[in-house]
Amino acid sequence: MADPATAAFLAHRTLLFTVAYELLGSAADAEDVLQETWLRWADVDLAAVRNHRAYLVRITTRQALMRLRALGRRRESYVGPWLPEPLLTTPDVAEDVELAESVSMAMLLVLETLGPAERAVFVLREVFDLGYGEIAEAVGKSPAAVRQIAHRARSHVAARRPRGAVTPAATRDALEAFRRAVETGDLRGLLDVLAPDVVFLGDGGGAVPATLSPVTGAGDVARLLAAGLGHLAAGTLETVQVNGYPALLLRRDGEIDTVVAVRVDDGLVTGLYAVRNPDKLARLGEARPLRRRVTRRPRRRPG
């Protein structure tokens, strides 16, 4: 039987990983944060801890914030566009609509436009529904300051998040148009679902060929895809659940080559995201469960 500290940590591990991943956009960094969390948790006097979950979330958030600030400096020198590390997710993630949206590629890219403190406050409040006092302890600020940060972050995200309800069905339709274009070489069906201002981002991390800057506009994106159809057609495409939504996984010679995810606004594809960086694909194994909290409180009005 596990000792009390280990049992408590394991009981909340999925929740803690979800917190860290939403703050960092990287499974590798999230796992490192959990390791740091465990080392600190192991030294805690459990008799003095009233709420194990809250204490563990606080440690995880603080460790993630320190790593996020360091990663921000590293990402400034990243080769080409930076995309979140994709996660294969279990079916129950897609069933939790709020959770699926919060870990989607599109939303994680929106969260990248927030500062570290704003991101932490937004994620803990809007995704995990924590109280302002609990968030204040986690980020080292007063509850009043957290309320102000939450208001700013909420407005910032609202102006940038996908417009309208994004359903798995709409995402699947867009991916099927992409798949048909690859299989037939006919881009007309894909053009029908591309928004005029669609943006394509490719992340090779400097390790494999990828676009070094965003490609914008349906015409330019279509030409880019037409030029890459030979590469795509040489592999096998399969539909998988990535970050709570359907995505395409390309294998070449049995190895994962690319993960393609989309952003859908008002029924049209406004973002195409191709992750090719081998370091970000190396951990794509079994599907991961994610969790928002152990028990869900009734949703409160923003404030």
C-alpha atoms as a PDB file:
ATOM      1  CA  MET A   1       0.000   0.000   0.000  1.00  0.00           C
ATOM      2  CA  ALA A   2       1.284   3.471  -0.910  1.00  0.00           C
ATOM      3  CA  ASP A   3       2.205   5.891   1.880  1.00  0.00           C
ATOM      4  CA  PRO A   4      -0.216   8.829   2.400  1.00  0.00           C
ATOM      5  CA  ALA A   5       1.925  11.346   0.472  1.00  0.00           C
ATOM      6  CA  THR A   6       2.231   9.038  -2.541  1.00  0.00           C
ATOM      7  CA  ALA A   7      -1.459   8.111  -2.434  1.00  0.00           C
ATOM      8  CA  ALA A   8      -2.524  11.772  -2.383  1.00  0.00           C
ATOM      9  CA  PHE A   9      -0.171  12.679  -5.219  1.00  0.00           C
ATOM     10  CA  LEU A  10      -1.329   9.785  -7.401  1.00  0.00           C
ATOM     11  CA  ALA A  11      -4.988  10.586  -6.704  1.00  0.00           C
ATOM     12  CA  HIS A  12      -4.537  14.076  -8.146  1.00  0.00           C
ATOM     13  CA  ARG A  13      -1.799  13.390 -10.715  1.00  0.00           C
ATOM     14  CA  THR A  14      -4.046  13.628 -13.786  1.00  0.00           C
ATOM     15  CA  LEU A  15      -5.464  16.941 -12.556  1.00  0.00           C
ATOM     16  CA  LEU A  16      -1.964  18.287 -11.847  1.00  0.00           C
ATOM     17  CA  PHE A  17      -0.707  17.224 -15.281  1.00  0.00           C
ATOM     18  CA  THR A  18      -3.666  19.007 -16.903  1.00  0.00           C
ATOM     19  CA  VAL A  19      -2.904  22.202 -14.970  1.00  0.00           C
ATOM     20  CA  ALA A  20       0.765  22.100 -15.954  1.00  0.00           C
ATOM     21  CA  TYR A  21       0.044  21.257 -19.595  1.00  0.00           C
ATOM     22  CA  GLU A  22      -2.486  24.077 -19.960  1.00  0.00           C
ATOM     23  CA  LEU A  23       0.054  26.516 -18.536  1.00  0.00           C
ATOM     24  CA  LEU A  24       2.986  25.269 -20.636  1.00  0.00           C
ATOM     25  CA  GLY A  25       1.611  23.683 -23.821  1.00  0.00           C
ATOM     26  CA  SER A  26       4.205  20.946 -23.505  1.00  0.00           C
ATOM     27  CA  ALA A  27       3.756  17.448 -22.129  1.00  0.00           C
ATOM     28  CA  ALA A  28       7.500  17.094 -21.560  1.00  0.00           C
ATOM     29  CA  ASP A  29       7.661  20.278 -19.500  1.00  0.00           C
ATOM     30  CA  ALA A  30       4.461  19.345 -17.676  1.00  0.00           C
ATOM     31  CA  GLU A  31       6.016  16.031 -16.632  1.00  0.00           C
ATOM     32  CA  ASP A  32       9.119  17.865 -15.395  1.00  0.00           C
ATOM     33  CA  VAL A  33       6.888  20.170 -13.360  1.00  0.00           C
ATOM     34  CA  LEU A  34       5.137  17.155 -11.823  1.00  0.00           C
ATOM     35  CA  GLN A  35       8.507  15.726 -10.843  1.00  0.00           C
ATOM     36  CA  GLU A  36       9.391  18.999  -9.104  1.00  0.00           C
ATOM     37  CA  THR A  37       5.960  19.034  -7.476  1.00  0.00           C
ATOM     38  CA  TRP A  38       6.461  15.534  -6.117  1.00  0.00           C
ATOM     39  CA  LEU A  39       9.885  16.380  -4.666  1.00  0.00           C
ATOM     40  CA  ARG A  40       8.408  19.321  -2.778  1.00  0.00           C
ATOM     41  CA  TRP A  41       5.263  17.440  -1.773  1.00  0.00           C
ATOM     42  CA  ALA A  42       7.309  14.575  -0.322  1.00  0.00           C
ATOM     43  CA  ASP A  43       8.834  16.997   2.211  1.00  0.00           C
ATOM     44  CA  VAL A  44       5.494  18.453   3.349  1.00  0.00           C
ATOM     45  CA  ASP A  45       4.042  17.655   6.786  1.00  0.00           C
ATOM     46  CA  LEU A  46       0.668  16.248   5.689  1.00  0.00           C
ATOM     47  CA  ALA A  47      -0.793  16.735   9.147  1.00  0.00           C
ATOM     48  CA  ALA A  48      -0.549  20.497   8.573  1.00  0.00           C
ATOM     49  CA  VAL A  49      -2.244  20.383   5.149  1.00  0.00           C
ATOM     50  CA  ARG A  50      -6.025  20.804   5.275  1.00  0.00           C
ATOM     51  CA  ASN A  51      -6.692  20.358   1.531  1.00  0.00           C
ATOM     52  CA  HIS A  52      -4.288  18.093  -0.350  1.00  0.00           C
ATOM     53  CA  ARG A  53      -5.637  18.972  -3.804  1.00  0.00           C
ATOM     54  CA  ALA A  54      -5.401  22.734  -3.250  1.00  0.00           C
ATOM     55  CA  TYR A  55      -1.866  22.429  -1.861  1.00  0.00           C
ATOM     56  CA  LEU A  56      -0.711  20.281  -4.779  1.00  0.00           C
ATOM     57  CA  VAL A  57      -2.280  22.632  -7.334  1.00  0.00           C
ATOM     58  CA  ARG A  58      -0.477  25.523  -5.639  1.00  0.00           C
ATOM     59  CA  ILE A  59       2.904  23.783  -5.886  1.00  0.00           C
ATOM     60  CA  THR A  60       2.280  22.766  -9.492  1.00  0.00           C
ATOM     61  CA  THR A  61       1.214  26.270 -10.509  1.00  0.00           C
ATOM     62  CA  ARG A  62       4.265  27.894  -8.940  1.00  0.00           C
ATOM     63  CA  GLN A  63       6.628  25.417 -10.581  1.00  0.00           C
ATOM     64  CA  ALA A  64       4.877  25.833 -13.932  1.00  0.00           C
ATOM     65  CA  LEU A  65       5.086  29.632 -13.694  1.00  0.00           C
ATOM     66  CA  MET A  66       8.830  29.507 -13.104  1.00  0.00           C
ATOM     67  CA  ARG A  67       9.270  27.189 -16.081  1.00  0.00           C
ATOM     68  CA  LEU A  68       6.923  29.268 -18.240  1.00  0.00           C
ATOM     69  CA  ARG A  69       8.990  32.403 -17.670  1.00  0.00           C
ATOM     70  CA  ALA A  70      12.159  30.516 -18.621  1.00  0.00           C
ATOM     71  CA  LEU A  71      10.513  28.969 -21.683  1.00  0.00           C
ATOM     72  CA  GLY A  72       9.384  32.389 -22.882  1.00  0.00           C
ATOM     73  CA  ARG A  73      13.018  33.391 -23.297  1.00  0.00           C
ATOM     74  CA  ARG A  74      13.823  30.138 -25.140  1.00  0.00           C
ATOM     75  CA  ARG A  75      10.869  30.461 -27.499  1.00  0.00           C
ATOM     76  CA  GLU A  76      12.139  33.847 -28.646  1.00  0.00           C
ATOM     77  CA  SER A  77      14.978  31.990 -30.418  1.00  0.00           C
ATOM     78  CA  TYR A  78      12.830  29.073 -31.649  1.00  0.00           C
ATOM     79  CA  VAL A  79      13.266  28.310 -35.362  1.00  0.00           C
ATOM     80  CA  GLY A  80       9.994  29.060 -37.148  1.00  0.00           C
ATOM     81  CA  PRO A  81       6.507  29.102 -35.590  1.00  0.00           C
ATOM     82  CA  TRP A  82       6.107  27.442 -32.185  1.00  0.00           C
ATOM     83  CA  LEU A  83       3.133  25.126 -31.747  1.00  0.00           C
ATOM     84  CA  PRO A  84       2.007  23.288 -28.601  1.00  0.00           C
ATOM     85  CA  GLU A  85       3.107  19.689 -28.168  1.00  0.00           C
ATOM     86  CA  PRO A  86       0.158  17.557 -29.353  1.00  0.00           C
ATOM     87  CA  LEU A  87      -1.462  15.087 -26.977  1.00  0.00           C
ATOM     88  CA  LEU A  88      -3.394  11.989 -27.932  1.00  0.00           C
ATOM     89  CA  THR A  89      -6.407  12.227 -25.629  1.00  0.00           C
ATOM     90  CA  THR A  90      -8.978   9.738 -24.383  1.00  0.00           C
ATOM     91  CA  PRO A  91     -12.621   9.955 -25.589  1.00  0.00           C
ATOM     92  CA  ASP A  92     -13.862  11.374 -22.276  1.00  0.00           C
ATOM     93  CA  VAL A  93     -11.828  14.545 -22.894  1.00  0.00           C
ATOM     94  CA  ALA A  94     -13.917  15.308 -25.998  1.00  0.00           C
ATOM     95  CA  GLU A  95     -17.094  14.669 -23.995  1.00  0.00           C
ATOM     96  CA  ASP A  96     -16.177  17.489 -21.584  1.00  0.00           C
ATOM     97  CA  VAL A  97     -16.742  20.385 -23.989  1.00  0.00           C
ATOM     98  CA  GLU A  98     -15.118  23.052 -21.797  1.00  0.00           C
ATOM     99  CA  LEU A  99     -12.050  20.919 -21.138  1.00  0.00           C
ATOM    100  CA  ALA A 100     -11.672  19.991 -24.814  1.00  0.00           C
ATOM    101  CA  GLU A 101     -11.826  23.638 -25.869  1.00  0.00           C
ATOM    102  CA  SER A 102      -9.310  24.669 -23.215  1.00  0.00           C
ATOM    103  CA  VAL A 103      -6.669  22.156 -24.405  1.00  0.00           C
ATOM    104  CA  SER A 104      -7.344  22.546 -28.129  1.00  0.00           C
ATOM    105  CA  MET A 105      -4.448  23.694 -30.296  1.00  0.00           C
ATOM    106  CA  ALA A 106      -6.383  26.862 -31.115  1.00  0.00           C
ATOM    107  CA  MET A 107      -6.956  27.794 -27.460  1.00  0.00           C
ATOM    108  CA  LEU A 108      -3.406  26.946 -26.385  1.00  0.00           C
ATOM    109  CA  LEU A 109      -2.144  29.325 -29.072  1.00  0.00           C
ATOM    110  CA  VAL A 110      -4.471  32.015 -27.718  1.00  0.00           C
ATOM    111  CA  LEU A 111      -3.105  31.372 -24.212  1.00  0.00           C
ATOM    112  CA  GLU A 112       0.412  31.905 -25.581  1.00  0.00           C
ATOM    113  CA  THR A 113      -0.518  35.573 -26.113  1.00  0.00           C
ATOM    114  CA  LEU A 114      -1.053  36.059 -22.354  1.00  0.00           C
ATOM    115  CA  GLY A 115       1.662  36.866 -19.868  1.00  0.00           C
ATOM    116  CA  PRO A 116       2.572  34.109 -17.369  1.00  0.00           C
ATOM    117  CA  ALA A 117       0.501  35.492 -14.476  1.00  0.00           C
ATOM    118  CA  GLU A 118      -2.493  36.225 -16.721  1.00  0.00           C
ATOM    119  CA  ARG A 119      -2.323  32.739 -18.199  1.00  0.00           C
ATOM    120  CA  ALA A 120      -2.181  31.094 -14.784  1.00  0.00           C
ATOM    121  CA  VAL A 121      -5.090  33.139 -13.421  1.00  0.00           C
ATOM    122  CA  PHE A 122      -7.223  32.556 -16.524  1.00  0.00           C
ATOM    123  CA  VAL A 123      -6.588  28.802 -16.584  1.00  0.00           C
ATOM    124  CA  LEU A 124      -7.160  28.289 -12.852  1.00  0.00           C
ATOM    125  CA  ARG A 125     -10.329  30.405 -12.862  1.00  0.00           C
ATOM    126  CA  GLU A 126     -11.966  29.645 -16.203  1.00  0.00           C
ATOM    127  CA  VAL A 127     -10.916  26.027 -16.709  1.00  0.00           C
ATOM    128  CA  PHE A 128     -10.527  24.687 -13.179  1.00  0.00           C
ATOM    129  CA  ASP A 129     -13.069  26.982 -11.512  1.00  0.00           C
ATOM    130  CA  LEU A 130     -10.885  27.805  -8.510  1.00  0.00           C
ATOM    131  CA  GLY A 131     -11.827  30.610  -6.146  1.00  0.00           C
ATOM    132  CA  TYR A 132      -9.928  33.902  -6.196  1.00  0.00           C
ATOM    133  CA  GLY A 133      -8.417  33.234  -2.777  1.00  0.00           C
ATOM    134  CA  GLU A 134      -7.059  29.863  -3.836  1.00  0.00           C
ATOM    135  CA  ILE A 135      -5.668  31.340  -7.070  1.00  0.00           C
ATOM    136  CA  ALA A 136      -4.087  34.203  -5.114  1.00  0.00           C
ATOM    137  CA  GLU A 137      -2.157  31.730  -2.975  1.00  0.00           C
ATOM    138  CA  ALA A 138      -1.025  29.822  -6.066  1.00  0.00           C
ATOM    139  CA  VAL A 139       0.275  32.865  -7.985  1.00  0.00           C
ATOM    140  CA  GLY A 140       1.494  34.911  -5.016  1.00  0.00           C
ATOM    141  CA  LYS A 141      -0.860  37.885  -5.438  1.00  0.00           C
ATOM    142  CA  SER A 142      -3.772  39.375  -3.505  1.00  0.00           C
ATOM    143  CA  PRO A 143      -7.347  38.255  -4.267  1.00  0.00           C
ATOM    144  CA  ALA A 144      -8.134  41.802  -5.446  1.00  0.00           C
ATOM    145  CA  ALA A 145      -5.218  41.736  -7.891  1.00  0.00           C
ATOM    146  CA  VAL A 146      -6.273  38.301  -9.112  1.00  0.00           C
ATOM    147  CA  ARG A 147      -9.795  39.604  -9.832  1.00  0.00           C
ATOM    148  CA  GLN A 148      -8.341  42.397 -11.973  1.00  0.00           C
ATOM    149  CA  ILE A 149      -5.994  40.034 -13.792  1.00  0.00           C
ATOM    150  CA  ALA A 150      -8.845  37.596 -14.420  1.00  0.00           C
ATOM    151  CA  HIS A 151     -10.983  40.370 -15.942  1.00  0.00           C
ATOM    152  CA  ARG A 152      -8.171  41.492 -18.274  1.00  0.00           C
ATOM    153  CA  ALA A 153      -7.295  37.948 -19.287  1.00  0.00           C
ATOM    154  CA  ARG A 154     -10.934  37.038 -19.910  1.00  0.00           C
ATOM    155  CA  SER A 155     -11.391  40.031 -22.221  1.00  0.00           C
ATOM    156  CA  HIS A 156      -8.116  39.288 -24.009  1.00  0.00           C
ATOM    157  CA  VAL A 157      -9.044  35.659 -24.645  1.00  0.00           C
ATOM    158  CA  ALA A 158     -12.632  36.465 -25.646  1.00  0.00           C
ATOM    159  CA  ALA A 159     -11.347  38.667 -28.466  1.00  0.00           C
ATOM    160  CA  ARG A 160      -9.115  35.885 -29.829  1.00  0.00           C
ATOM    161  CA  ARG A 161     -10.802  32.543 -29.104  1.00  0.00           C
ATOM    162  CA  PRO A 162     -12.648  30.627 -31.876  1.00  0.00           C
ATOM    163  CA  ARG A 163     -15.949  32.244 -32.861  1.00  0.00           C
ATOM    164  CA  GLY A 164     -19.066  30.180 -32.368  1.00  0.00           C
ATOM    165  CA  ALA A 165     -19.355  26.657 -30.988  1.00  0.00           C
ATOM    166  CA  VAL A 166     -16.678  24.337 -32.370  1.00  0.00           C
ATOM    167  CA  THR A 167     -17.990  20.802 -32.642  1.00  0.00           C
ATOM    168  CA  PRO A 168     -16.040  17.614 -33.293  1.00  0.00           C
ATOM    169  CA  ALA A 169     -18.277  17.108 -36.346  1.00  0.00           C
ATOM    170  CA  ALA A 170     -17.199  20.432 -37.890  1.00  0.00           C
ATOM    171  CA  THR A 171     -13.573  19.578 -37.209  1.00  0.00           C
ATOM    172  CA  ARG A 172     -13.980  16.119 -38.757  1.00  0.00           C
ATOM    173  CA  ASP A 173     -15.582  17.633 -41.881  1.00  0.00           C
ATOM    174  CA  ALA A 174     -12.615  19.973 -42.344  1.00  0.00           C
ATOM    175  CA  LEU A 175     -10.130  17.153 -41.848  1.00  0.00           C
ATOM    176  CA  GLU A 176     -12.012  14.925 -44.296  1.00  0.00           C
ATOM    177  CA  ALA A 177     -11.728  17.664 -46.928  1.00  0.00           C
ATOM    178  CA  PHE A 178      -7.989  17.777 -46.206  1.00  0.00           C
ATOM    179  CA  ARG A 179      -7.721  13.992 -46.443  1.00  0.00           C
ATOM    180  CA  ARG A 180      -9.609  13.909 -49.762  1.00  0.00           C
ATOM    181  CA  ALA A 181      -7.291  16.558 -51.160  1.00  0.00           C
ATOM    182  CA  VAL A 182      -4.289  14.418 -50.221  1.00  0.00           C
ATOM    183  CA  GLU A 183      -5.806  11.216 -51.609  1.00  0.00           C
ATOM    184  CA  THR A 184      -7.142  12.673 -54.870  1.00  0.00           C
ATOM    185  CA  GLY A 185      -4.880  15.673 -55.484  1.00  0.00           C
ATOM    186  CA  ASP A 186      -8.024  17.805 -55.877  1.00  0.00           C
ATOM    187  CA  LEU A 187      -7.943  20.883 -53.682  1.00  0.00           C
ATOM    188  CA  ARG A 188     -11.387  22.207 -54.607  1.00  0.00           C
ATOM    189  CA  GLY A 189     -13.153  20.533 -51.695  1.00  0.00           C
ATOM    190  CA  LEU A 190     -10.535  21.868 -49.291  1.00  0.00           C
ATOM    191  CA  LEU A 191     -10.835  25.386 -50.686  1.00  0.00           C
ATOM    192  CA  ASP A 192     -14.562  25.257 -49.949  1.00  0.00           C
ATOM    193  CA  VAL A 193     -13.884  24.982 -46.201  1.00  0.00           C
ATOM    194  CA  LEU A 194     -10.917  27.397 -45.968  1.00  0.00           C
ATOM    195  CA  ALA A 195     -11.688  30.860 -44.646  1.00  0.00           C
ATOM    196  CA  PRO A 196     -10.320  33.706 -46.818  1.00  0.00           C
ATOM    197  CA  ASP A 197      -7.969  34.702 -43.980  1.00  0.00           C
ATOM    198  CA  VAL A 198      -6.896  31.168 -43.019  1.00  0.00           C
ATOM    199  CA  VAL A 199      -3.443  30.885 -41.440  1.00  0.00           C
ATOM    200  CA  PHE A 200      -1.128  27.874 -41.820  1.00  0.00           C
ATOM    201  CA  LEU A 201       1.534  27.273 -39.170  1.00  0.00           C
ATOM    202  CA  GLY A 202       4.171  24.567 -39.502  1.00  0.00           C
ATOM    203  CA  ASP A 203       6.439  23.613 -36.587  1.00  0.00           C
ATOM    204  CA  GLY A 204       9.623  21.746 -37.476  1.00  0.00           C
ATOM    205  CA  GLY A 205      11.707  23.260 -34.697  1.00  0.00           C
ATOM    206  CA  GLY A 206      14.634  23.588 -37.103  1.00  0.00           C
ATOM    207  CA  ALA A 207      15.027  19.802 -37.083  1.00  0.00           C
ATOM    208  CA  VAL A 208      12.879  18.938 -40.137  1.00  0.00           C
ATOM    209  CA  PRO A 209      11.573  20.993 -43.093  1.00  0.00           C
ATOM    210  CA  ALA A 210       8.630  23.259 -42.253  1.00  0.00           C
ATOM    211  CA  THR A 211       7.430  26.749 -43.103  1.00  0.00           C
ATOM    212  CA  LEU A 212       9.544  29.319 -41.265  1.00  0.00           C
ATOM    213  CA  SER A 213       6.766  31.905 -41.080  1.00  0.00           C
ATOM    214  CA  PRO A 214       2.960  31.860 -41.088  1.00  0.00           C
ATOM    215  CA  VAL A 215       1.266  31.460 -44.475  1.00  0.00           C
ATOM    216  CA  THR A 216      -1.901  33.554 -44.723  1.00  0.00           C
ATOM    217  CA  GLY A 217      -4.818  33.538 -47.143  1.00  0.00           C
ATOM    218  CA  ALA A 218      -6.752  30.706 -48.788  1.00  0.00           C
ATOM    219  CA  GLY A 219      -4.880  31.004 -52.085  1.00  0.00           C
ATOM    220  CA  ASP A 220      -1.388  30.910 -50.597  1.00  0.00           C
ATOM    221  CA  VAL A 221      -2.323  28.129 -48.168  1.00  0.00           C
ATOM    222  CA  ALA A 222      -3.810  26.068 -51.028  1.00  0.00           C
ATOM    223  CA  ARG A 223      -0.637  26.516 -53.092  1.00  0.00           C
ATOM    224  CA  LEU A 224       1.479  25.471 -50.129  1.00  0.00           C
ATOM    225  CA  LEU A 225      -0.646  22.372 -49.595  1.00  0.00           C
ATOM    226  CA  ALA A 226      -0.563  21.535 -53.313  1.00  0.00           C
ATOM    227  CA  ALA A 227       3.237  21.628 -53.200  1.00  0.00           C
ATOM    228  CA  GLY A 228       3.243  19.292 -50.196  1.00  0.00           C
ATOM    229  CA  LEU A 229       0.711  16.750 -51.440  1.00  0.00           C
ATOM    230  CA  GLY A 230       3.437  14.438 -52.720  1.00  0.00           C
ATOM    231  CA  HIS A 231       5.015  14.237 -49.282  1.00  0.00           C
ATOM    232  CA  LEU A 232       1.664  13.620 -47.637  1.00  0.00           C
ATOM    233  CA  ALA A 233       0.535  11.055 -50.208  1.00  0.00           C
ATOM    234  CA  ALA A 234       3.719   9.035 -49.639  1.00  0.00           C
ATOM    235  CA  GLY A 235       2.567   8.247 -46.104  1.00  0.00           C
ATOM    236  CA  THR A 236      -0.583   7.000 -44.428  1.00  0.00           C
ATOM    237  CA  LEU A 237      -3.135   9.279 -42.795  1.00  0.00           C
ATOM    238  CA  GLU A 238      -5.272   8.293 -39.825  1.00  0.00           C
ATOM    239  CA  THR A 239      -7.811  10.243 -37.804  1.00  0.00           C
ATOM    240  CA  VAL A 240      -6.989  10.471 -34.104  1.00  0.00           C
ATOM    241  CA  GLN A 241      -8.143  12.443 -31.072  1.00  0.00           C
ATOM    242  CA  VAL A 242      -5.585  15.169 -30.382  1.00  0.00           C
ATOM    243  CA  ASN A 243      -6.120  17.713 -27.606  1.00  0.00           C
ATOM    244  CA  GLY A 244      -9.787  16.799 -27.359  1.00  0.00           C
ATOM    245  CA  TYR A 245     -10.600  17.155 -31.075  1.00  0.00           C
ATOM    246  CA  PRO A 246     -10.196  15.066 -34.229  1.00  0.00           C
ATOM    247  CA  ALA A 247      -6.849  15.530 -35.989  1.00  0.00           C
ATOM    248  CA  LEU A 248      -4.828  13.793 -38.687  1.00  0.00           C
ATOM    249  CA  LEU A 249      -1.712  11.800 -37.981  1.00  0.00           C
ATOM    250  CA  LEU A 250       0.680  11.142 -40.879  1.00  0.00           C
ATOM    251  CA  ARG A 251       3.016   8.152 -40.759  1.00  0.00           C
ATOM    252  CA  ARG A 252       5.898   7.560 -43.144  1.00  0.00           C
ATOM    253  CA  ASP A 253       7.709   4.235 -43.047  1.00  0.00           C
ATOM    254  CA  GLY A 254       5.780   3.409 -39.887  1.00  0.00           C
ATOM    255  CA  GLU A 255       7.034   6.472 -37.989  1.00  0.00           C
ATOM    256  CA  ILE A 256       4.941   9.483 -36.985  1.00  0.00           C
ATOM    257  CA  ASP A 257       5.868  12.306 -39.351  1.00  0.00           C
ATOM    258  CA  THR A 258       3.246  15.040 -38.809  1.00  0.00           C
ATOM    259  CA  VAL A 259       0.171  15.829 -36.743  1.00  0.00           C
ATOM    260  CA  VAL A 260      -2.335  18.162 -38.435  1.00  0.00           C
ATOM    261  CA  ALA A 261      -4.910  20.012 -36.326  1.00  0.00           C
ATOM    262  CA  VAL A 262      -7.356  22.733 -37.363  1.00  0.00           C
ATOM    263  CA  ARG A 263      -9.114  25.763 -35.948  1.00  0.00           C
ATOM    264  CA  VAL A 264     -12.719  26.211 -37.085  1.00  0.00           C
ATOM    265  CA  ASP A 265     -14.610  29.517 -36.844  1.00  0.00           C
ATOM    266  CA  ASP A 266     -18.217  29.793 -38.017  1.00  0.00           C
ATOM    267  CA  GLY A 267     -17.879  26.542 -39.952  1.00  0.00           C
ATOM    268  CA  LEU A 268     -14.717  27.518 -41.879  1.00  0.00           C
ATOM    269  CA  VAL A 269     -11.083  26.589 -41.234  1.00  0.00           C
ATOM    270  CA  THR A 270      -9.214  29.651 -40.016  1.00  0.00           C
ATOM    271  CA  GLY A 271      -6.137  27.810 -38.766  1.00  0.00           C
ATOM    272  CA  LEU A 272      -4.159  24.805 -40.014  1.00  0.00           C
ATOM    273  CA  TYR A 273      -1.463  23.581 -37.624  1.00  0.00           C
ATOM    274  CA  ALA A 274       1.152  21.022 -38.698  1.00  0.00           C
ATOM    275  CA  VAL A 275       3.475  19.774 -35.944  1.00  0.00           C
ATOM    276  CA  ARG A 276       6.576  18.072 -37.379  1.00  0.00           C
ATOM    277  CA  ASN A 277       9.181  18.719 -34.684  1.00  0.00           C
ATOM    278  CA  PRO A 278      10.390  15.179 -33.796  1.00  0.00           C
ATOM    279  CA  ASP A 279      10.870  16.149 -30.143  1.00  0.00           C
ATOM    280  CA  LYS A 280       7.175  17.069 -29.910  1.00  0.00           C
ATOM    281  CA  LEU A 281       6.053  13.858 -31.606  1.00  0.00           C
ATOM    282  CA  ALA A 282       8.318  11.497 -29.674  1.00  0.00           C
ATOM    283  CA  ARG A 283       5.928  11.187 -26.736  1.00  0.00           C
ATOM    284  CA  LEU A 284       2.802  10.443 -28.782  1.00  0.00           C
ATOM    285  CA  GLY A 285       1.972   7.035 -27.376  1.00  0.00           C
ATOM    286  CA  GLU A 286      -1.145   5.900 -25.582  1.00  0.00           C
ATOM    287  CA  ALA A 287      -3.991   8.366 -25.258  1.00  0.00           C
ATOM    288  CA  ARG A 288      -3.876  10.442 -22.066  1.00  0.00           C
ATOM    289  CA  PRO A 289      -6.778  11.221 -19.767  1.00  0.00           C
ATOM    290  CA  LEU A 290      -7.113  14.838 -18.626  1.00  0.00           C
ATOM    291  CA  ARG A 291      -9.128  16.214 -15.737  1.00  0.00           C
ATOM    292  CA  ARG A 292     -10.385  19.600 -14.583  1.00  0.00           C
ATOM    293  CA  ARG A 293     -11.129  18.763 -10.970  1.00  0.00           C
ATOM    294  CA  VAL A 294     -12.231  15.943  -8.717  1.00  0.00           C
ATOM    295  CA  THR A 295     -15.727  17.378  -8.207  1.00  0.00           C
ATOM    296  CA  ARG A 296     -17.251  20.125 -10.310  1.00  0.00           C
ATOM    297  CA  ARG A 297     -18.976  23.045  -8.576  1.00  0.00           C
ATOM    298  CA  PRO A 298     -21.920  24.817 -10.239  1.00  0.00           C
ATOM    299  CA  ARG A 299     -20.680  27.400 -12.752  1.00  0.00           C
ATOM    300  CA  ARG A 300     -20.628  30.946 -11.353  1.00  0.00           C
ATOM    301  CA  ARG A 301     -21.170  34.165 -13.172  1.00  0.00           C
ATOM    302  CA  PRO A 302     -17.919  35.863 -14.252  1.00  0.00           C
ATOM    303  CA  GLY A 303     -16.758  38.425 -11.762  1.00  0.00           C
END
